[in-house]
N, C-alpha and C. Protein backbone atom coordinates (compact mmCIF):
# COMPACT_ATOMS: atom_id res chain seq x y z
N MET A 1 -8.51 6.23 -10.47
CA MET A 1 -9.12 5.40 -9.43
C MET A 1 -8.46 5.85 -8.01
N LYS A 2 -9.30 6.43 -6.73
CA LYS A 2 -8.75 6.76 -6.00
C LYS A 2 -9.20 6.27 -4.59
N PHE A 3 -8.77 6.00 -3.44
CA PHE A 3 -9.12 5.75 -1.99
C PHE A 3 -8.41 5.85 -1.29
N ASN A 4 -8.94 5.40 -0.10
CA ASN A 4 -7.96 6.09 1.21
C ASN A 4 -8.07 4.54 1.91
N LEU A 5 -6.82 3.96 2.51
CA LEU A 5 -6.87 2.83 3.17
C LEU A 5 -6.09 3.59 4.52
N PRO A 6 -6.09 2.36 5.41
CA PRO A 6 -5.58 3.01 7.01
C PRO A 6 -4.10 2.95 6.73
N TYR A 7 -3.36 3.37 7.92
CA TYR A 7 -2.12 3.47 8.22
C TYR A 7 -1.62 2.25 7.97
N PRO A 8 -0.47 1.84 7.24
CA PRO A 8 0.22 0.46 7.25
C PRO A 8 1.14 0.36 8.72
N VAL A 9 1.38 -0.99 8.89
CA VAL A 9 1.99 -1.65 9.64
C VAL A 9 3.58 -1.44 9.12
N SER A 10 4.64 -1.20 9.52
CA SER A 10 6.19 -1.14 9.28
C SER A 10 6.11 -2.63 8.29
N VAL A 11 7.11 -2.64 6.91
CA VAL A 11 7.60 -4.24 6.81
C VAL A 11 8.20 -4.99 7.49
N ASN A 12 9.12 -3.82 8.58
CA ASN A 12 9.63 -4.68 10.06
C ASN A 12 8.64 -5.57 10.75
N ALA A 13 7.16 -5.29 10.53
CA ALA A 13 6.74 -5.96 11.50
C ALA A 13 5.62 -6.56 10.86
N LEU A 14 5.99 -7.15 9.49
CA LEU A 14 5.12 -7.73 8.57
C LEU A 14 5.30 -8.93 8.23
N TYR A 15 6.29 -9.28 8.39
CA TYR A 15 7.11 -10.62 8.36
C TYR A 15 8.38 -11.06 9.21
N ARG A 16 8.20 -12.41 9.37
CA ARG A 16 9.09 -13.06 10.81
C ARG A 16 9.70 -14.14 9.90
N MET A 17 10.85 -14.47 10.25
CA MET A 17 11.50 -15.53 9.90
C MET A 17 11.43 -16.65 11.03
N ASN A 18 10.89 -18.25 10.53
CA ASN A 18 10.72 -19.21 11.19
C ASN A 18 12.33 -19.78 11.80
N LYS A 19 12.43 -19.52 12.89
CA LYS A 19 13.77 -20.19 13.49
C LYS A 19 14.17 -21.42 13.09
N GLN A 20 13.22 -22.34 13.25
CA GLN A 20 13.34 -23.78 12.95
C GLN A 20 13.64 -24.10 11.61
N THR A 21 12.56 -23.32 10.62
CA THR A 21 12.60 -23.80 9.30
C THR A 21 14.05 -22.62 8.51
N GLY A 22 13.90 -21.68 8.86
CA GLY A 22 14.26 -20.56 8.01
C GLY A 22 13.50 -19.84 7.18
N ARG A 23 12.30 -20.32 7.31
CA ARG A 23 11.32 -19.54 6.00
C ARG A 23 10.17 -18.75 6.53
N LEU A 24 10.10 -17.38 5.80
CA LEU A 24 9.39 -16.32 5.67
C LEU A 24 8.18 -16.34 5.89
N TYR A 25 7.24 -15.82 7.33
CA TYR A 25 5.70 -15.75 7.25
C TYR A 25 5.44 -14.67 7.63
N LYS A 26 3.92 -14.23 7.35
CA LYS A 26 3.56 -12.78 7.55
C LYS A 26 2.93 -12.83 9.35
N THR A 27 3.33 -11.79 9.76
CA THR A 27 2.80 -12.11 10.98
C THR A 27 1.26 -11.50 11.20
N THR A 28 0.98 -11.84 12.43
CA THR A 28 -0.77 -11.51 12.74
C THR A 28 -0.89 -10.13 12.43
N ALA A 29 0.06 -9.18 12.52
CA ALA A 29 -0.29 -7.50 12.54
C ALA A 29 -0.42 -7.53 10.85
N GLY A 30 0.59 -8.63 10.32
CA GLY A 30 0.51 -8.10 8.50
C GLY A 30 -0.72 -8.92 7.88
N LYS A 31 -1.15 -9.91 8.71
CA LYS A 31 -2.61 -10.61 7.66
C LYS A 31 -3.86 -9.62 8.31
N GLU A 32 -4.01 -8.97 9.43
CA GLU A 32 -4.79 -8.20 10.20
C GLU A 32 -4.69 -7.02 9.07
N TYR A 33 -3.60 -6.37 8.89
CA TYR A 33 -3.63 -4.94 7.58
C TYR A 33 -4.11 -5.54 6.48
N THR A 34 -3.88 -6.56 5.92
CA THR A 34 -4.07 -6.96 4.54
C THR A 34 -5.61 -7.86 4.69
N LYS A 35 -6.28 -7.97 5.27
CA LYS A 35 -7.62 -8.08 5.92
C LYS A 35 -8.33 -7.10 5.86
N ALA A 36 -8.07 -5.96 6.39
CA ALA A 36 -8.86 -4.72 6.56
C ALA A 36 -8.80 -4.31 5.06
N VAL A 37 -7.41 -3.97 4.52
CA VAL A 37 -7.39 -3.64 3.08
C VAL A 37 -8.41 -4.23 2.26
N ARG A 38 -8.50 -5.35 2.63
CA ARG A 38 -9.47 -6.17 1.63
C ARG A 38 -10.89 -5.79 1.77
N LEU A 39 -11.28 -5.58 2.83
CA LEU A 39 -12.28 -5.41 3.42
C LEU A 39 -13.05 -3.95 2.98
N ILE A 40 -12.07 -3.30 2.98
CA ILE A 40 -12.32 -1.68 2.52
C ILE A 40 -12.93 -1.55 1.23
N LEU A 41 -11.75 -2.25 0.44
CA LEU A 41 -11.99 -2.49 -1.24
C LEU A 41 -12.78 -3.03 -1.76
N SER A 42 -13.08 -4.27 -1.02
CA SER A 42 -14.01 -4.82 -1.09
C SER A 42 -15.66 -3.96 -1.29
N ALA A 43 -15.58 -3.20 -0.16
CA ALA A 43 -16.78 -2.65 0.38
C ALA A 43 -16.83 -1.57 -1.00
N ALA A 44 -15.89 -0.93 -1.27
CA ALA A 44 -16.00 0.39 -2.07
C ALA A 44 -15.97 -0.28 -3.48
N GLY A 45 -15.82 -1.99 -3.85
CA GLY A 45 -16.27 -2.60 -5.03
C GLY A 45 -14.65 -2.39 -6.15
N ILE A 46 -13.50 -1.84 -5.18
CA ILE A 46 -12.33 -1.84 -6.13
C ILE A 46 -11.82 -3.58 -5.87
N ALA A 47 -11.80 -4.10 -5.02
CA ALA A 47 -11.16 -5.33 -5.13
C ALA A 47 -11.90 -6.25 -6.17
N ASP A 48 -10.67 -7.32 -6.46
CA ASP A 48 -10.85 -8.24 -7.72
C ASP A 48 -11.06 -7.38 -8.83
N ILE A 49 -10.64 -6.34 -9.19
CA ILE A 49 -10.81 -5.76 -10.46
C ILE A 49 -9.55 -5.90 -11.42
N MET A 50 -8.46 -6.61 -10.78
CA MET A 50 -6.97 -7.15 -11.39
C MET A 50 -6.80 -6.04 -12.54
N LEU A 51 -6.24 -4.84 -11.97
CA LEU A 51 -5.77 -4.05 -13.49
C LEU A 51 -4.71 -4.59 -13.90
N SER A 52 -4.65 -4.36 -15.27
CA SER A 52 -3.67 -4.77 -15.93
C SER A 52 -2.70 -4.00 -16.27
N GLY A 53 -1.62 -4.29 -17.26
CA GLY A 53 -1.14 -3.44 -17.73
C GLY A 53 0.53 -2.77 -16.93
N ASP A 54 0.70 -1.47 -17.38
CA ASP A 54 1.47 -0.52 -16.56
C ASP A 54 0.63 0.49 -15.86
N LEU A 55 1.22 0.79 -14.66
CA LEU A 55 0.23 1.13 -13.80
C LEU A 55 1.24 2.43 -12.96
N VAL A 56 0.70 3.54 -12.99
CA VAL A 56 1.46 4.63 -12.13
C VAL A 56 0.60 4.98 -10.82
N ILE A 57 1.32 4.93 -9.85
CA ILE A 57 0.73 5.32 -8.51
C ILE A 57 0.94 6.34 -7.70
N SER A 58 0.10 6.99 -7.00
CA SER A 58 0.22 8.14 -6.34
C SER A 58 0.10 7.99 -4.76
N VAL A 59 1.02 7.83 -4.01
CA VAL A 59 0.48 7.40 -2.54
C VAL A 59 1.18 8.79 -1.60
N THR A 60 0.13 9.20 -0.61
CA THR A 60 0.61 9.97 0.27
C THR A 60 0.03 9.47 1.94
N LEU A 61 1.04 9.20 2.39
CA LEU A 61 1.43 8.70 3.74
C LEU A 61 0.91 9.97 4.54
N MET A 62 0.05 9.69 5.44
CA MET A 62 -0.07 10.54 6.52
C MET A 62 0.03 9.61 7.89
N LEU A 63 1.25 10.14 8.35
CA LEU A 63 1.99 9.81 9.44
C LEU A 63 1.56 9.83 10.78
N PRO A 64 1.54 8.79 11.90
CA PRO A 64 0.64 9.17 13.03
C PRO A 64 1.17 9.99 13.96
N ASP A 65 2.60 10.05 13.68
CA ASP A 65 3.55 11.09 14.45
C ASP A 65 4.42 11.43 13.96
N THR A 66 5.37 12.16 14.25
CA THR A 66 6.77 12.90 13.78
C THR A 66 8.10 12.08 13.60
N ARG A 67 7.94 10.78 14.61
CA ARG A 67 9.25 9.64 14.03
C ARG A 67 9.47 10.25 12.72
N ARG A 68 10.60 9.76 12.50
CA ARG A 68 11.38 9.79 11.33
C ARG A 68 10.80 8.28 10.69
N ARG A 69 10.88 8.21 9.27
CA ARG A 69 10.61 6.49 8.88
C ARG A 69 11.38 6.62 7.49
N ASP A 70 11.33 5.47 6.54
CA ASP A 70 11.64 5.42 5.71
C ASP A 70 10.26 5.26 4.54
N ILE A 71 10.38 6.00 3.95
CA ILE A 71 9.10 6.16 2.37
C ILE A 71 9.08 4.92 2.06
N ASP A 72 10.14 4.21 1.51
CA ASP A 72 9.83 2.67 0.67
C ASP A 72 9.28 1.81 1.86
N ASN A 73 9.70 2.03 3.01
CA ASN A 73 9.20 0.75 4.08
C ASN A 73 7.88 0.63 3.95
N LEU A 74 7.40 1.83 3.90
CA LEU A 74 5.81 1.36 4.38
C LEU A 74 4.85 0.99 2.85
N ASN A 75 5.84 1.43 1.94
CA ASN A 75 4.91 1.25 0.60
C ASN A 75 5.12 -0.16 -0.06
N LYS A 76 5.97 -1.09 0.60
CA LYS A 76 5.93 -2.46 0.48
C LYS A 76 4.58 -3.29 1.13
N VAL A 77 4.25 -3.02 2.26
CA VAL A 77 3.14 -3.32 2.78
C VAL A 77 2.18 -2.98 2.13
N LEU A 78 1.75 -1.60 1.63
CA LEU A 78 1.14 -0.85 0.72
C LEU A 78 0.37 -1.62 -0.31
N PHE A 79 1.77 -1.75 -1.19
CA PHE A 79 1.58 -2.35 -2.35
C PHE A 79 1.24 -4.35 -2.21
N ASP A 80 1.78 -4.94 -1.42
CA ASP A 80 1.31 -6.47 -1.05
C ASP A 80 0.13 -6.54 -0.58
N ALA A 81 -0.73 -5.56 -0.04
CA ALA A 81 -1.82 -5.70 0.44
C ALA A 81 -2.82 -5.33 -1.30
N LEU A 82 -2.44 -4.39 -2.28
CA LEU A 82 -3.29 -4.39 -3.27
C LEU A 82 -3.01 -5.51 -3.87
N VAL A 83 -2.36 -6.31 -3.98
CA VAL A 83 -2.18 -7.47 -4.79
C VAL A 83 -2.89 -8.22 -3.90
N ASP A 84 -2.95 -9.01 -2.58
CA ASP A 84 -3.69 -9.64 -2.12
C ASP A 84 -5.54 -9.34 -2.39
N ALA A 85 -5.56 -8.05 -2.36
CA ALA A 85 -6.97 -7.66 -2.83
C ALA A 85 -7.36 -7.66 -4.16
N ARG A 86 -6.51 -8.38 -5.24
CA ARG A 86 -6.42 -8.25 -6.16
C ARG A 86 -7.12 -7.27 -7.24
N VAL A 87 -6.48 -6.15 -6.73
CA VAL A 87 -6.39 -4.82 -7.34
C VAL A 87 -5.76 -4.69 -8.70
N ILE A 88 -4.31 -5.26 -8.16
CA ILE A 88 -3.24 -5.04 -9.40
C ILE A 88 -2.79 -6.55 -9.05
N GLU A 89 -2.44 -7.08 -10.42
CA GLU A 89 -1.53 -8.58 -10.40
C GLU A 89 -0.42 -8.74 -9.58
N ASP A 90 0.60 -7.86 -10.04
CA ASP A 90 1.96 -7.71 -9.24
C ASP A 90 2.30 -6.32 -9.38
N ASP A 91 3.19 -5.81 -8.10
CA ASP A 91 3.43 -4.31 -7.94
C ASP A 91 4.16 -3.90 -8.60
N GLU A 92 4.97 -5.14 -9.58
CA GLU A 92 6.37 -4.65 -11.10
C GLU A 92 5.20 -3.93 -11.75
N GLN A 93 4.05 -3.89 -11.84
CA GLN A 93 3.20 -3.12 -12.84
C GLN A 93 3.25 -1.83 -12.60
N PHE A 94 3.72 -1.16 -11.34
CA PHE A 94 3.63 0.34 -10.90
C PHE A 94 5.16 0.71 -11.82
N ILE A 95 4.98 1.22 -13.08
CA ILE A 95 6.24 1.87 -13.47
C ILE A 95 6.81 3.54 -13.55
N GLY A 96 5.63 3.80 -12.38
CA GLY A 96 5.82 4.72 -11.56
C GLY A 96 5.07 5.32 -10.48
N ALA A 97 5.83 6.07 -9.71
CA ALA A 97 5.54 6.55 -8.40
C ALA A 97 5.91 7.64 -8.13
N ASN A 98 4.69 8.53 -7.13
CA ASN A 98 4.87 9.59 -6.44
C ASN A 98 4.53 9.15 -5.34
N LEU A 99 5.61 9.44 -4.21
CA LEU A 99 5.24 9.20 -2.90
C LEU A 99 5.48 10.57 -1.97
N LEU A 100 4.54 10.50 -1.30
CA LEU A 100 5.06 11.84 -0.07
C LEU A 100 4.12 11.07 1.07
N LYS A 101 4.96 11.78 2.20
CA LYS A 101 4.76 11.61 3.33
C LYS A 101 4.51 12.93 4.25
N LEU A 102 3.37 12.55 5.14
CA LEU A 102 3.53 13.65 5.85
C LEU A 102 3.17 13.89 7.40
N ARG A 103 3.92 14.20 8.38
CA ARG A 103 3.51 13.97 9.72
C ARG A 103 2.81 14.50 10.25
N LYS A 104 2.52 14.19 11.69
CA LYS A 104 1.22 14.44 11.86
C LYS A 104 1.29 16.27 12.46
N GLY A 105 0.19 16.74 12.49
CA GLY A 105 0.65 18.18 12.83
C GLY A 105 0.43 18.69 11.01
N SER A 106 0.94 17.98 10.32
CA SER A 106 0.79 18.81 8.93
C SER A 106 -0.21 18.51 7.88
N TYR A 107 -1.52 17.56 8.45
CA TYR A 107 -2.73 17.28 7.75
C TYR A 107 -3.89 17.21 8.68
N GLU A 108 -4.94 17.14 8.22
CA GLU A 108 -6.30 16.82 9.26
C GLU A 108 -6.73 15.48 9.36
N GLY A 109 -7.28 15.00 10.18
CA GLY A 109 -7.80 13.88 10.53
C GLY A 109 -6.98 12.63 10.99
N ASP A 110 -7.45 11.54 10.86
CA ASP A 110 -6.28 10.47 11.20
C ASP A 110 -5.39 9.56 10.34
N PRO A 111 -4.60 9.60 11.11
CA PRO A 111 -3.59 8.56 9.98
C PRO A 111 -4.16 7.96 9.12
N ARG A 112 -3.68 7.74 7.96
CA ARG A 112 -4.17 7.32 6.77
C ARG A 112 -3.18 6.84 5.71
N VAL A 113 -3.65 6.45 4.80
CA VAL A 113 -3.00 6.83 3.15
C VAL A 113 -3.81 7.02 2.04
N GLU A 114 -3.67 7.74 1.12
CA GLU A 114 -4.47 8.24 0.08
C GLU A 114 -4.02 7.67 -0.52
N VAL A 115 -4.37 6.80 -1.70
CA VAL A 115 -3.78 6.32 -3.07
C VAL A 115 -4.36 6.71 -4.17
N GLU A 116 -3.93 6.75 -5.33
CA GLU A 116 -4.63 7.42 -6.79
C GLU A 116 -3.53 6.20 -7.96
N ILE A 117 -4.00 5.29 -8.52
CA ILE A 117 -3.72 4.45 -9.26
C ILE A 117 -3.98 5.27 -10.83
N GLU A 118 -3.43 4.91 -11.91
CA GLU A 118 -3.88 5.51 -13.07
C GLU A 118 -2.81 4.22 -14.22
N LYS A 119 -3.42 4.13 -15.47
CA LYS A 119 -2.92 3.48 -16.26
C LYS A 119 -2.36 4.55 -16.85
N ALA A 120 -0.71 3.82 -17.08
CA ALA A 120 0.58 4.57 -17.15
C ALA A 120 0.40 5.26 -18.73
N ASP A 121 -0.40 4.76 -19.55
CA ASP A 121 -0.61 5.19 -20.90
C ASP A 121 -1.34 6.56 -21.12
N LEU A 122 -1.95 6.74 -19.92
CA LEU A 122 -2.19 8.34 -19.70
C LEU A 122 -1.02 9.45 -19.71
N PHE A 123 0.03 8.43 -19.35
CA PHE A 123 1.14 9.89 -18.98
C PHE A 123 2.22 9.71 -20.46
N ALA A 124 1.94 8.73 -21.33
CA ALA A 124 2.65 8.29 -23.10
C ALA A 124 2.96 10.26 -23.36
N THR A 125 3.76 9.88 -23.68
CA THR A 125 4.46 11.21 -24.57
C THR A 125 4.36 10.80 -25.73
N ILE A 126 4.96 11.47 -26.67
CA ILE A 126 4.81 11.35 -28.26
C ILE A 126 6.22 12.05 -28.96
């Protein structure tokens, strides 16, 4: 299955620590991104399908600028949003990942994330 999503917030902007209780909570920016992903995937008929078993994901991050970013920092936000939208049960299901980031100027259109998820058994070898 293939789909496009908005460019994610950084994992650094996703969670904050409550100084009084020491508990981690999702920020407003994080909640808004998760909600946007759910709405997009619901409209596409992808939300709530709960893929099971081992999966392989390909992610192309189309960055909004030329700043340096850790590629794994952005995927955590994306994977959590897929769990929240009930596309997958748990991001632990991903046994393989192909991650690519493109800086602004090396792609056309708006910043976004292109995602492809496949069953891992498609890649089994004998």
